[in-house]
Amino acid sequence: MISINNLTVSFCGKEIFSDVGFHISDGEKIGLVGKNGAGKSTLMKVITGEQRPTSGRVERPEGLTIGYLPQIMDHRRGVSVLDEAMTAFDDLRDAQGEIDRINGELATRTDYESAAYADLIVRLGELSDILAMETSEPPEVRCRKVLYGLGFRDEDLDRHTETFSQGWNMRLELAKILLRRPRLLLLDEPTNHLDLESIEWFEEYLKKFPGAVLLVSHDRKFLDNVTNRTVEILLGKIHDYKVPYSQYLTLRAERVAQQTAAYENQQRMIETGAHRDRRDRQRGARGEVPAGSPRGRRRI
């Protein structure tokens, strides 16, 4: 679905990523991990197109819908929680408006055999299919289900957004993203402002979500319950593990142990060679012939 190819991102001469690449497929649930400052949020912004890479490219299929929840965002004021959540369906209202326009135009046209008329019929069918799929359940009912799942109560829905804390407004933004049903969710610390009950609801939602998910979280249990793949950013490189977070930790420890053992073995070999060279130089300084040299071999 999305291919990240030879990606390099630099800030003020410092490389955040260097020639990295990986692929996100439909239905995958990926945990993005790494130390603070490793570039996890930057990578998400590059995927959305919000930030341009220094070099490399991100290939996205035409028409791909992305829902992106950053850690910090602005929130609209002066509207109720329910009205703000319902803005997630603005595209559906626009589609209905286009359907009404096409129907009006078809009622006045008589060029039934023309290509333009056929194009209108095709477009009308596409829009009708979208509305039928997205409105099988009334939008307000969907809104209420998601808002209740994220912890809002019925009496909260008529309150204005500015009467809620930053954390509750983040829940509202998350609700809007989920209601749009994008094909790819990019979630940067989505559980920071959720309580245990809301986290459990959200876990079940993501497990059933048919699209792909790339998420950053410090909640180990949440990652284990949701993800089936872990992508680590380390020193500007990508390490890809096809397992959930806990299994990734085990595999990572094994990889580090192997690298450490290989390094120590290399250092021993270097030290052995250096010791042999010192010994031979010392023997040469004393006029001795190093063992194994042609002059030092006994003739038979």
C-alpha atoms as a PDB file:
ATOM      1  CA  MET A   1       0.000   0.000   0.000  1.00  0.00           C
ATOM      2  CA  ILE A   2       2.760   2.458   0.954  1.00  0.00           C
ATOM      3  CA  SER A   3       6.417   2.053  -0.020  1.00  0.00           C
ATOM      4  CA  ILE A   4       9.136   4.106   1.651  1.00  0.00           C
ATOM      5  CA  ASN A   5      12.216   4.078  -0.569  1.00  0.00           C
ATOM      6  CA  ASN A   6      15.774   5.300   0.160  1.00  0.00           C
ATOM      7  CA  LEU A   7      14.463   7.895   2.603  1.00  0.00           C
ATOM      8  CA  THR A   8      16.864  10.437   4.087  1.00  0.00           C
ATOM      9  CA  VAL A   9      15.773  13.283   6.364  1.00  0.00           C
ATOM     10  CA  SER A  10      18.195  15.908   7.689  1.00  0.00           C
ATOM     11  CA  PHE A  11      17.824  18.881  10.026  1.00  0.00           C
ATOM     12  CA  CYS A  12      20.541  21.526  10.249  1.00  0.00           C
ATOM     13  CA  GLY A  13      23.084  19.139   8.781  1.00  0.00           C
ATOM     14  CA  LYS A  14      22.151  16.278  11.125  1.00  0.00           C
ATOM     15  CA  GLU A  15      20.647  13.152   9.592  1.00  0.00           C
ATOM     16  CA  ILE A  16      17.509  11.813  11.286  1.00  0.00           C
ATOM     17  CA  PHE A  17      17.188   8.957   8.762  1.00  0.00           C
ATOM     18  CA  SER A  18      19.714   7.734   6.254  1.00  0.00           C
ATOM     19  CA  ASP A  19      18.615   5.772   3.179  1.00  0.00           C
ATOM     20  CA  VAL A  20      15.876   3.791   4.945  1.00  0.00           C
ATOM     21  CA  GLY A  21      12.988   1.888   3.431  1.00  0.00           C
ATOM     22  CA  PHE A  22      10.099  -0.411   4.313  1.00  0.00           C
ATOM     23  CA  HIS A  23       6.596  -1.255   3.133  1.00  0.00           C
ATOM     24  CA  ILE A  24       3.181  -0.940   4.802  1.00  0.00           C
ATOM     25  CA  SER A  25       0.603  -3.422   3.517  1.00  0.00           C
ATOM     26  CA  ASP A  26      -3.179  -3.440   3.864  1.00  0.00           C
ATOM     27  CA  GLY A  27      -4.350  -4.786   7.203  1.00  0.00           C
ATOM     28  CA  GLU A  28      -0.960  -4.655   8.941  1.00  0.00           C
ATOM     29  CA  LYS A  29      -0.805  -3.401  12.524  1.00  0.00           C
ATOM     30  CA  ILE A  30       2.680  -1.958  13.084  1.00  0.00           C
ATOM     31  CA  GLY A  31       4.272  -0.621  16.255  1.00  0.00           C
ATOM     32  CA  LEU A  32       6.851   2.111  15.556  1.00  0.00           C
ATOM     33  CA  VAL A  33       9.459   2.178  18.330  1.00  0.00           C
ATOM     34  CA  GLY A  34      12.685   3.969  19.164  1.00  0.00           C
ATOM     35  CA  LYS A  35      14.191   6.331  21.698  1.00  0.00           C
ATOM     36  CA  ASN A  36      12.796   9.840  22.140  1.00  0.00           C
ATOM     37  CA  GLY A  37      14.171  11.957  19.329  1.00  0.00           C
ATOM     38  CA  ALA A  38      14.796   8.955  17.065  1.00  0.00           C
ATOM     39  CA  GLY A  39      12.429  10.381  14.461  1.00  0.00           C
ATOM     40  CA  LYS A  40       9.161   8.491  14.947  1.00  0.00           C
ATOM     41  CA  SER A  41       6.936  11.581  14.655  1.00  0.00           C
ATOM     42  CA  THR A  42       9.040  12.875  11.753  1.00  0.00           C
ATOM     43  CA  LEU A  43       8.546   9.624   9.854  1.00  0.00           C
ATOM     44  CA  MET A  44       4.768   9.891  10.265  1.00  0.00           C
ATOM     45  CA  LYS A  45       4.782  13.457   8.942  1.00  0.00           C
ATOM     46  CA  VAL A  46       6.814  12.360   5.911  1.00  0.00           C
ATOM     47  CA  ILE A  47       4.329   9.539   5.211  1.00  0.00           C
ATOM     48  CA  THR A  48       1.388  11.957   5.303  1.00  0.00           C
ATOM     49  CA  GLY A  49       3.215  14.408   3.034  1.00  0.00           C
ATOM     50  CA  GLU A  50       3.189  17.069   5.745  1.00  0.00           C
ATOM     51  CA  GLN A  51       7.010  17.093   5.685  1.00  0.00           C
ATOM     52  CA  ARG A  52       9.284  16.585   2.690  1.00  0.00           C
ATOM     53  CA  PRO A  53      12.297  14.271   2.926  1.00  0.00           C
ATOM     54  CA  THR A  54      15.796  15.429   2.070  1.00  0.00           C
ATOM     55  CA  SER A  55      15.962  12.603  -0.476  1.00  0.00           C
ATOM     56  CA  GLY A  56      14.092   9.432  -1.328  1.00  0.00           C
ATOM     57  CA  ARG A  57      10.355   9.084  -1.812  1.00  0.00           C
ATOM     58  CA  VAL A  58       7.125   7.769  -0.332  1.00  0.00           C
ATOM     59  CA  GLU A  59       4.883   6.001  -2.844  1.00  0.00           C
ATOM     60  CA  ARG A  60       1.162   6.121  -2.043  1.00  0.00           C
ATOM     61  CA  PRO A  61      -1.642   4.694  -4.192  1.00  0.00           C
ATOM     62  CA  GLU A  62      -3.969   7.248  -5.723  1.00  0.00           C
ATOM     63  CA  GLY A  63      -6.969   7.944  -3.529  1.00  0.00           C
ATOM     64  CA  LEU A  64      -5.378   6.546  -0.356  1.00  0.00           C
ATOM     65  CA  THR A  65      -7.087   7.976   2.745  1.00  0.00           C
ATOM     66  CA  ILE A  66      -4.910   8.571   5.805  1.00  0.00           C
ATOM     67  CA  GLY A  67      -6.051   9.374   9.326  1.00  0.00           C
ATOM     68  CA  TYR A  68      -3.236  11.065  11.278  1.00  0.00           C
ATOM     69  CA  LEU A  69      -3.351  11.762  15.029  1.00  0.00           C
ATOM     70  CA  PRO A  70      -0.314  13.813  16.121  1.00  0.00           C
ATOM     71  CA  GLN A  71       0.600  14.383  19.754  1.00  0.00           C
ATOM     72  CA  ILE A  72      -0.269  18.089  19.575  1.00  0.00           C
ATOM     73  CA  MET A  73      -2.969  19.782  17.503  1.00  0.00           C
ATOM     74  CA  ASP A  74      -5.337  22.743  17.533  1.00  0.00           C
ATOM     75  CA  HIS A  75      -8.994  22.242  18.406  1.00  0.00           C
ATOM     76  CA  ARG A  76     -12.069  24.092  17.209  1.00  0.00           C
ATOM     77  CA  ARG A  77     -13.987  26.111  19.777  1.00  0.00           C
ATOM     78  CA  GLY A  78     -17.581  27.234  20.007  1.00  0.00           C
ATOM     79  CA  VAL A  79     -19.179  23.966  18.847  1.00  0.00           C
ATOM     80  CA  SER A  80     -20.664  21.024  20.698  1.00  0.00           C
ATOM     81  CA  VAL A  81     -18.891  17.677  20.956  1.00  0.00           C
ATOM     82  CA  LEU A  82     -21.519  15.969  18.803  1.00  0.00           C
ATOM     83  CA  ASP A  83     -21.513  18.679  16.130  1.00  0.00           C
ATOM     84  CA  GLU A  84     -17.736  18.579  15.933  1.00  0.00           C
ATOM     85  CA  ALA A  85     -17.726  14.780  15.671  1.00  0.00           C
ATOM     86  CA  MET A  86     -20.312  14.969  12.882  1.00  0.00           C
ATOM     87  CA  THR A  87     -17.853  16.977  10.757  1.00  0.00           C
ATOM     88  CA  ALA A  88     -16.244  13.587  10.067  1.00  0.00           C
ATOM     89  CA  PHE A  89     -19.127  13.064   7.619  1.00  0.00           C
ATOM     90  CA  ASP A  90     -18.649  16.286   5.643  1.00  0.00           C
ATOM     91  CA  ASP A  91     -17.479  14.252   2.638  1.00  0.00           C
ATOM     92  CA  LEU A  92     -20.717  12.279   2.702  1.00  0.00           C
ATOM     93  CA  ARG A  93     -22.746  15.480   2.741  1.00  0.00           C
ATOM     94  CA  ASP A  94     -20.703  16.712  -0.213  1.00  0.00           C
ATOM     95  CA  ALA A  95     -21.376  13.411  -2.013  1.00  0.00           C
ATOM     96  CA  GLN A  96     -25.096  13.763  -1.414  1.00  0.00           C
ATOM     97  CA  GLY A  97     -24.966  17.309  -2.756  1.00  0.00           C
ATOM     98  CA  GLU A  98     -23.207  16.071  -5.902  1.00  0.00           C
ATOM     99  CA  ILE A  99     -25.830  13.331  -6.322  1.00  0.00           C
ATOM    100  CA  ASP A 100     -28.605  15.919  -6.104  1.00  0.00           C
ATOM    101  CA  ARG A 101     -26.822  18.085  -8.697  1.00  0.00           C
ATOM    102  CA  ILE A 102     -26.329  15.169 -11.115  1.00  0.00           C
ATOM    103  CA  ASN A 103     -29.942  14.068 -10.752  1.00  0.00           C
ATOM    104  CA  GLY A 104     -31.073  17.603 -11.521  1.00  0.00           C
ATOM    105  CA  GLU A 105     -28.860  17.754 -14.594  1.00  0.00           C
ATOM    106  CA  LEU A 106     -29.971  14.359 -15.875  1.00  0.00           C
ATOM    107  CA  ALA A 107     -33.601  15.451 -15.570  1.00  0.00           C
ATOM    108  CA  THR A 108     -33.042  18.291 -18.046  1.00  0.00           C
ATOM    109  CA  ARG A 109     -30.697  16.614 -20.550  1.00  0.00           C
ATOM    110  CA  THR A 110     -31.846  14.772 -23.657  1.00  0.00           C
ATOM    111  CA  ASP A 111     -28.475  13.670 -25.089  1.00  0.00           C
ATOM    112  CA  TYR A 112     -28.938  10.143 -23.783  1.00  0.00           C
ATOM    113  CA  GLU A 113     -26.421   8.581 -26.173  1.00  0.00           C
ATOM    114  CA  SER A 114     -23.593  11.055 -25.549  1.00  0.00           C
ATOM    115  CA  ALA A 115     -20.354  10.285 -23.685  1.00  0.00           C
ATOM    116  CA  ALA A 116     -21.040  13.160 -21.267  1.00  0.00           C
ATOM    117  CA  TYR A 117     -24.383  11.660 -20.321  1.00  0.00           C
ATOM    118  CA  ALA A 118     -22.774   8.236 -19.801  1.00  0.00           C
ATOM    119  CA  ASP A 119     -20.087   9.810 -17.587  1.00  0.00           C
ATOM    120  CA  LEU A 120     -22.776  11.354 -15.382  1.00  0.00           C
ATOM    121  CA  ILE A 121     -24.468   7.972 -15.011  1.00  0.00           C
ATOM    122  CA  VAL A 122     -21.171   6.327 -14.022  1.00  0.00           C
ATOM    123  CA  ARG A 123     -20.389   9.062 -11.489  1.00  0.00           C
ATOM    124  CA  LEU A 124     -23.887   8.827 -10.036  1.00  0.00           C
ATOM    125  CA  GLY A 125     -23.412   5.081  -9.537  1.00  0.00           C
ATOM    126  CA  GLU A 126     -20.057   5.580  -7.805  1.00  0.00           C
ATOM    127  CA  LEU A 127     -21.448   8.159  -5.396  1.00  0.00           C
ATOM    128  CA  SER A 128     -24.532   6.080  -4.675  1.00  0.00           C
ATOM    129  CA  ASP A 129     -22.356   3.066  -3.818  1.00  0.00           C
ATOM    130  CA  ILE A 130     -20.246   5.181  -1.447  1.00  0.00           C
ATOM    131  CA  LEU A 131     -23.296   6.531   0.350  1.00  0.00           C
ATOM    132  CA  ALA A 132     -24.918   3.104   0.573  1.00  0.00           C
ATOM    133  CA  MET A 133     -21.781   1.656   2.169  1.00  0.00           C
ATOM    134  CA  GLU A 134     -21.084   4.558   4.528  1.00  0.00           C
ATOM    135  CA  THR A 135     -24.651   5.212   5.636  1.00  0.00           C
ATOM    136  CA  SER A 136     -25.792   1.638   6.270  1.00  0.00           C
ATOM    137  CA  GLU A 137     -25.824   2.870   9.869  1.00  0.00           C
ATOM    138  CA  PRO A 138     -26.993   6.458  10.470  1.00  0.00           C
ATOM    139  CA  PRO A 139     -24.000   8.824  10.942  1.00  0.00           C
ATOM    140  CA  GLU A 140     -25.227  10.141  14.294  1.00  0.00           C
ATOM    141  CA  VAL A 141     -25.584   6.607  15.628  1.00  0.00           C
ATOM    142  CA  ARG A 142     -22.002   5.855  14.560  1.00  0.00           C
ATOM    143  CA  CYS A 143     -20.856   9.097  16.180  1.00  0.00           C
ATOM    144  CA  ARG A 144     -22.432   8.258  19.495  1.00  0.00           C
ATOM    145  CA  LYS A 145     -20.994   4.732  19.530  1.00  0.00           C
ATOM    146  CA  VAL A 146     -17.439   5.945  18.974  1.00  0.00           C
ATOM    147  CA  LEU A 147     -17.756   8.859  21.418  1.00  0.00           C
ATOM    148  CA  TYR A 148     -19.171   6.569  24.107  1.00  0.00           C
ATOM    149  CA  GLY A 149     -16.379   4.082  23.455  1.00  0.00           C
ATOM    150  CA  LEU A 150     -13.787   6.817  24.009  1.00  0.00           C
ATOM    151  CA  GLY A 151     -15.338   7.777  27.345  1.00  0.00           C
ATOM    152  CA  PHE A 152     -17.816  10.567  26.563  1.00  0.00           C
ATOM    153  CA  ARG A 153     -21.176  10.398  28.329  1.00  0.00           C
ATOM    154  CA  ASP A 154     -24.520  11.317  26.857  1.00  0.00           C
ATOM    155  CA  GLU A 155     -24.638  14.577  28.801  1.00  0.00           C
ATOM    156  CA  ASP A 156     -21.219  15.580  27.386  1.00  0.00           C
ATOM    157  CA  LEU A 157     -22.320  15.627  23.761  1.00  0.00           C
ATOM    158  CA  ASP A 158     -24.063  19.019  23.902  1.00  0.00           C
ATOM    159  CA  ARG A 159     -21.225  20.727  25.783  1.00  0.00           C
ATOM    160  CA  HIS A 160     -18.889  23.037  23.861  1.00  0.00           C
ATOM    161  CA  THR A 161     -15.423  21.748  23.098  1.00  0.00           C
ATOM    162  CA  GLU A 162     -13.677  24.563  24.998  1.00  0.00           C
ATOM    163  CA  THR A 163     -15.230  23.350  28.253  1.00  0.00           C
ATOM    164  CA  PHE A 164     -13.143  20.179  28.007  1.00  0.00           C
ATOM    165  CA  SER A 165      -9.457  19.675  28.753  1.00  0.00           C
ATOM    166  CA  GLN A 166      -6.779  19.175  26.099  1.00  0.00           C
ATOM    167  CA  GLY A 167      -6.908  15.448  26.747  1.00  0.00           C
ATOM    168  CA  TRP A 168     -10.653  15.211  26.114  1.00  0.00           C
ATOM    169  CA  ASN A 169     -10.316  17.250  22.942  1.00  0.00           C
ATOM    170  CA  MET A 170      -7.681  14.785  21.781  1.00  0.00           C
ATOM    171  CA  ARG A 171     -10.240  12.023  22.330  1.00  0.00           C
ATOM    172  CA  LEU A 172     -12.666  13.989  20.159  1.00  0.00           C
ATOM    173  CA  GLU A 173     -10.057  14.327  17.384  1.00  0.00           C
ATOM    174  CA  LEU A 174      -9.415  10.597  17.594  1.00  0.00           C
ATOM    175  CA  ALA A 175     -13.152   9.941  17.288  1.00  0.00           C
ATOM    176  CA  LYS A 176     -13.335  12.051  14.113  1.00  0.00           C
ATOM    177  CA  ILE A 177     -10.420  10.152  12.573  1.00  0.00           C
ATOM    178  CA  LEU A 178     -12.002   6.770  13.329  1.00  0.00           C
ATOM    179  CA  LEU A 179     -15.380   7.885  11.990  1.00  0.00           C
ATOM    180  CA  ARG A 180     -13.817   8.778   8.625  1.00  0.00           C
ATOM    181  CA  ARG A 181     -12.677   5.152   8.232  1.00  0.00           C
ATOM    182  CA  PRO A 182      -9.381   5.832   6.422  1.00  0.00           C
ATOM    183  CA  ARG A 183      -7.369   3.001   4.869  1.00  0.00           C
ATOM    184  CA  LEU A 184      -4.308   3.906   6.951  1.00  0.00           C
ATOM    185  CA  LEU A 185      -4.192   5.124  10.556  1.00  0.00           C
ATOM    186  CA  LEU A 186      -1.075   6.947  11.804  1.00  0.00           C
ATOM    187  CA  LEU A 187      -1.395   7.279  15.577  1.00  0.00           C
ATOM    188  CA  ASP A 188       1.233   9.103  17.659  1.00  0.00           C
ATOM    189  CA  GLU A 189       0.751   8.192  21.344  1.00  0.00           C
ATOM    190  CA  PRO A 190      -3.045   7.714  21.026  1.00  0.00           C
ATOM    191  CA  THR A 191      -3.489   6.273  24.540  1.00  0.00           C
ATOM    192  CA  ASN A 192      -1.865   9.180  26.410  1.00  0.00           C
ATOM    193  CA  HIS A 193      -5.237  10.678  27.344  1.00  0.00           C
ATOM    194  CA  LEU A 194      -7.338   7.517  27.545  1.00  0.00           C
ATOM    195  CA  ASP A 195      -8.418   5.714  30.692  1.00  0.00           C
ATOM    196  CA  LEU A 196      -8.276   1.932  31.050  1.00  0.00           C
ATOM    197  CA  GLU A 197     -11.851   1.361  29.881  1.00  0.00           C
ATOM    198  CA  SER A 198     -11.351   3.519  26.780  1.00  0.00           C
ATOM    199  CA  ILE A 199      -8.041   1.812  25.993  1.00  0.00           C
ATOM    200  CA  GLU A 200      -9.734  -1.590  26.100  1.00  0.00           C
ATOM    201  CA  TRP A 201     -12.479  -0.359  23.749  1.00  0.00           C
ATOM    202  CA  PHE A 202      -9.875   1.166  21.427  1.00  0.00           C
ATOM    203  CA  GLU A 203      -7.846  -2.068  21.359  1.00  0.00           C
ATOM    204  CA  GLU A 204     -10.881  -4.022  20.195  1.00  0.00           C
ATOM    205  CA  TYR A 205     -11.666  -1.369  17.583  1.00  0.00           C
ATOM    206  CA  LEU A 206      -8.152  -1.541  16.115  1.00  0.00           C
ATOM    207  CA  LYS A 207      -8.119  -5.350  16.088  1.00  0.00           C
ATOM    208  CA  LYS A 208     -11.235  -5.298  13.894  1.00  0.00           C
ATOM    209  CA  PHE A 209     -10.121  -2.320  11.810  1.00  0.00           C
ATOM    210  CA  PRO A 210      -9.699  -3.581   8.214  1.00  0.00           C
ATOM    211  CA  GLY A 211      -7.080  -1.020   7.193  1.00  0.00           C
ATOM    212  CA  ALA A 212      -3.433  -0.647   8.158  1.00  0.00           C
ATOM    213  CA  VAL A 213      -2.206   0.937  11.404  1.00  0.00           C
ATOM    214  CA  LEU A 214       1.162   2.508  12.232  1.00  0.00           C
ATOM    215  CA  LEU A 215       1.285   3.589  15.871  1.00  0.00           C
ATOM    216  CA  VAL A 216       3.671   4.969  18.458  1.00  0.00           C
ATOM    217  CA  SER A 217       2.972   4.135  22.091  1.00  0.00           C
ATOM    218  CA  HIS A 218       4.839   3.660  25.354  1.00  0.00           C
ATOM    219  CA  ASP A 219       2.080   1.295  26.505  1.00  0.00           C
ATOM    220  CA  ARG A 220       3.688  -2.138  26.115  1.00  0.00           C
ATOM    221  CA  LYS A 221       0.468  -4.044  26.743  1.00  0.00           C
ATOM    222  CA  PHE A 222      -1.395  -1.942  24.182  1.00  0.00           C
ATOM    223  CA  LEU A 223       1.287  -2.646  21.562  1.00  0.00           C
ATOM    224  CA  ASP A 224       1.200  -6.372  22.297  1.00  0.00           C
ATOM    225  CA  ASN A 225      -2.586  -6.504  22.073  1.00  0.00           C
ATOM    226  CA  VAL A 226      -2.848  -4.541  18.817  1.00  0.00           C
ATOM    227  CA  THR A 227       0.268  -4.957  16.678  1.00  0.00           C
ATOM    228  CA  ASN A 228       1.653  -7.891  14.706  1.00  0.00           C
ATOM    229  CA  ARG A 229       4.841  -6.199  13.502  1.00  0.00           C
ATOM    230  CA  THR A 230       7.435  -3.889  15.076  1.00  0.00           C
ATOM    231  CA  VAL A 231       9.570  -1.359  13.204  1.00  0.00           C
ATOM    232  CA  GLU A 232      12.471   0.043  15.223  1.00  0.00           C
ATOM    233  CA  ILE A 233      14.276   3.294  14.416  1.00  0.00           C
ATOM    234  CA  LEU A 234      17.841   3.124  15.704  1.00  0.00           C
ATOM    235  CA  LEU A 235      20.647   5.534  14.799  1.00  0.00           C
ATOM    236  CA  GLY A 236      18.895   6.614  11.626  1.00  0.00           C
ATOM    237  CA  LYS A 237      18.253   3.078  10.383  1.00  0.00           C
ATOM    238  CA  ILE A 238      15.204   0.804  10.276  1.00  0.00           C
ATOM    239  CA  HIS A 239      15.116  -2.650  11.853  1.00  0.00           C
ATOM    240  CA  ASP A 240      11.995  -4.584  10.891  1.00  0.00           C
ATOM    241  CA  TYR A 241      10.617  -7.392  13.082  1.00  0.00           C
ATOM    242  CA  LYS A 242       7.542  -9.358  11.971  1.00  0.00           C
ATOM    243  CA  VAL A 243       6.370  -9.853  15.563  1.00  0.00           C
ATOM    244  CA  PRO A 244       4.546  -7.915  18.329  1.00  0.00           C
ATOM    245  CA  TYR A 245       6.417  -5.768  20.838  1.00  0.00           C
ATOM    246  CA  SER A 246       7.341  -8.340  23.535  1.00  0.00           C
ATOM    247  CA  GLN A 247       8.671 -10.788  20.974  1.00  0.00           C
ATOM    248  CA  TYR A 248      10.567  -7.920  19.338  1.00  0.00           C
ATOM    249  CA  LEU A 249      12.333  -7.238  22.651  1.00  0.00           C
ATOM    250  CA  THR A 250      13.485 -10.866  22.788  1.00  0.00           C
ATOM    251  CA  LEU A 251      14.703 -10.875  19.181  1.00  0.00           C
ATOM    252  CA  ARG A 252      16.377  -7.508  19.640  1.00  0.00           C
ATOM    253  CA  ALA A 253      18.256  -8.766  22.727  1.00  0.00           C
ATOM    254  CA  GLU A 254      19.438 -11.784  20.711  1.00  0.00           C
ATOM    255  CA  ARG A 255      20.581  -9.540  17.861  1.00  0.00           C
ATOM    256  CA  VAL A 256      22.474  -7.241  20.239  1.00  0.00           C
ATOM    257  CA  ALA A 257      24.117 -10.252  21.936  1.00  0.00           C
ATOM    258  CA  GLN A 258      25.232 -11.622  18.559  1.00  0.00           C
ATOM    259  CA  GLN A 259      26.609  -8.241  17.507  1.00  0.00           C
ATOM    260  CA  THR A 260      28.417  -7.869  20.834  1.00  0.00           C
ATOM    261  CA  ALA A 261      29.932 -11.347  20.547  1.00  0.00           C
ATOM    262  CA  ALA A 262      31.035 -10.671  16.964  1.00  0.00           C
ATOM    263  CA  TYR A 263      32.596  -7.345  18.013  1.00  0.00           C
ATOM    264  CA  GLU A 264      34.434  -8.900  20.955  1.00  0.00           C
ATOM    265  CA  ASN A 265      35.721 -11.716  18.745  1.00  0.00           C
ATOM    266  CA  GLN A 266      36.931  -9.169  16.203  1.00  0.00           C
ATOM    267  CA  GLN A 267      38.703  -7.200  18.947  1.00  0.00           C
ATOM    268  CA  ARG A 268      40.411 -10.380  20.204  1.00  0.00           C
ATOM    269  CA  MET A 269      41.631 -11.149  16.697  1.00  0.00           C
ATOM    270  CA  ILE A 270      42.910  -7.586  16.307  1.00  0.00           C
ATOM    271  CA  GLU A 271      44.643  -7.754  19.688  1.00  0.00           C
ATOM    272  CA  THR A 272      46.188 -11.145  18.852  1.00  0.00           C
ATOM    273  CA  GLY A 273      47.535  -9.784  15.580  1.00  0.00           C
ATOM    274  CA  ALA A 274      48.853  -6.656  17.260  1.00  0.00           C
ATOM    275  CA  HIS A 275      50.536  -8.744  19.969  1.00  0.00           C
ATOM    276  CA  ARG A 276      52.201 -10.959  17.337  1.00  0.00           C
ATOM    277  CA  ASP A 277      53.415  -7.897  15.417  1.00  0.00           C
ATOM    278  CA  ARG A 278      54.906  -6.375  18.616  1.00  0.00           C
ATOM    279  CA  ARG A 279      56.624  -9.638  19.463  1.00  0.00           C
ATOM    280  CA  ASP A 280      58.112  -9.943  15.976  1.00  0.00           C
ATOM    281  CA  ARG A 281      59.356  -6.348  16.041  1.00  0.00           C
ATOM    282  CA  GLN A 282      60.999  -6.938  19.409  1.00  0.00           C
ATOM    283  CA  ARG A 283      62.708 -10.091  18.181  1.00  0.00           C
ATOM    284  CA  GLY A 284      63.824  -8.308  15.027  1.00  0.00           C
ATOM    285  CA  ALA A 285      65.345  -5.513  17.130  1.00  0.00           C
ATOM    286  CA  ARG A 286      67.383  -8.147  18.996  1.00  0.00           C
ATOM    287  CA  GLY A 287      68.583  -9.637  15.722  1.00  0.00           C
ATOM    288  CA  GLU A 288      66.478 -12.752  16.109  1.00  0.00           C
ATOM    289  CA  VAL A 289      64.821 -14.316  13.104  1.00  0.00           C
ATOM    290  CA  PRO A 290      61.009 -14.489  13.567  1.00  0.00           C
ATOM    291  CA  ALA A 291      59.661 -18.015  13.676  1.00  0.00           C
ATOM    292  CA  GLY A 292      58.160 -19.098  10.391  1.00  0.00           C
ATOM    293  CA  SER A 293      60.300 -16.750   8.242  1.00  0.00           C
ATOM    294  CA  PRO A 294      62.333 -18.309   5.361  1.00  0.00           C
ATOM    295  CA  ARG A 295      65.621 -17.553   7.109  1.00  0.00           C
ATOM    296  CA  GLY A 296      64.446 -19.208  10.246  1.00  0.00           C
ATOM    297  CA  ARG A 297      63.497 -22.495   8.622  1.00  0.00           C
ATOM    298  CA  ARG A 298      65.916 -25.355   9.095  1.00  0.00           C
ATOM    299  CA  ARG A 299      67.146 -26.853   5.841  1.00  0.00           C
ATOM    300  CA  ILE A 300      66.842 -30.607   5.455  1.00  0.00           C
END
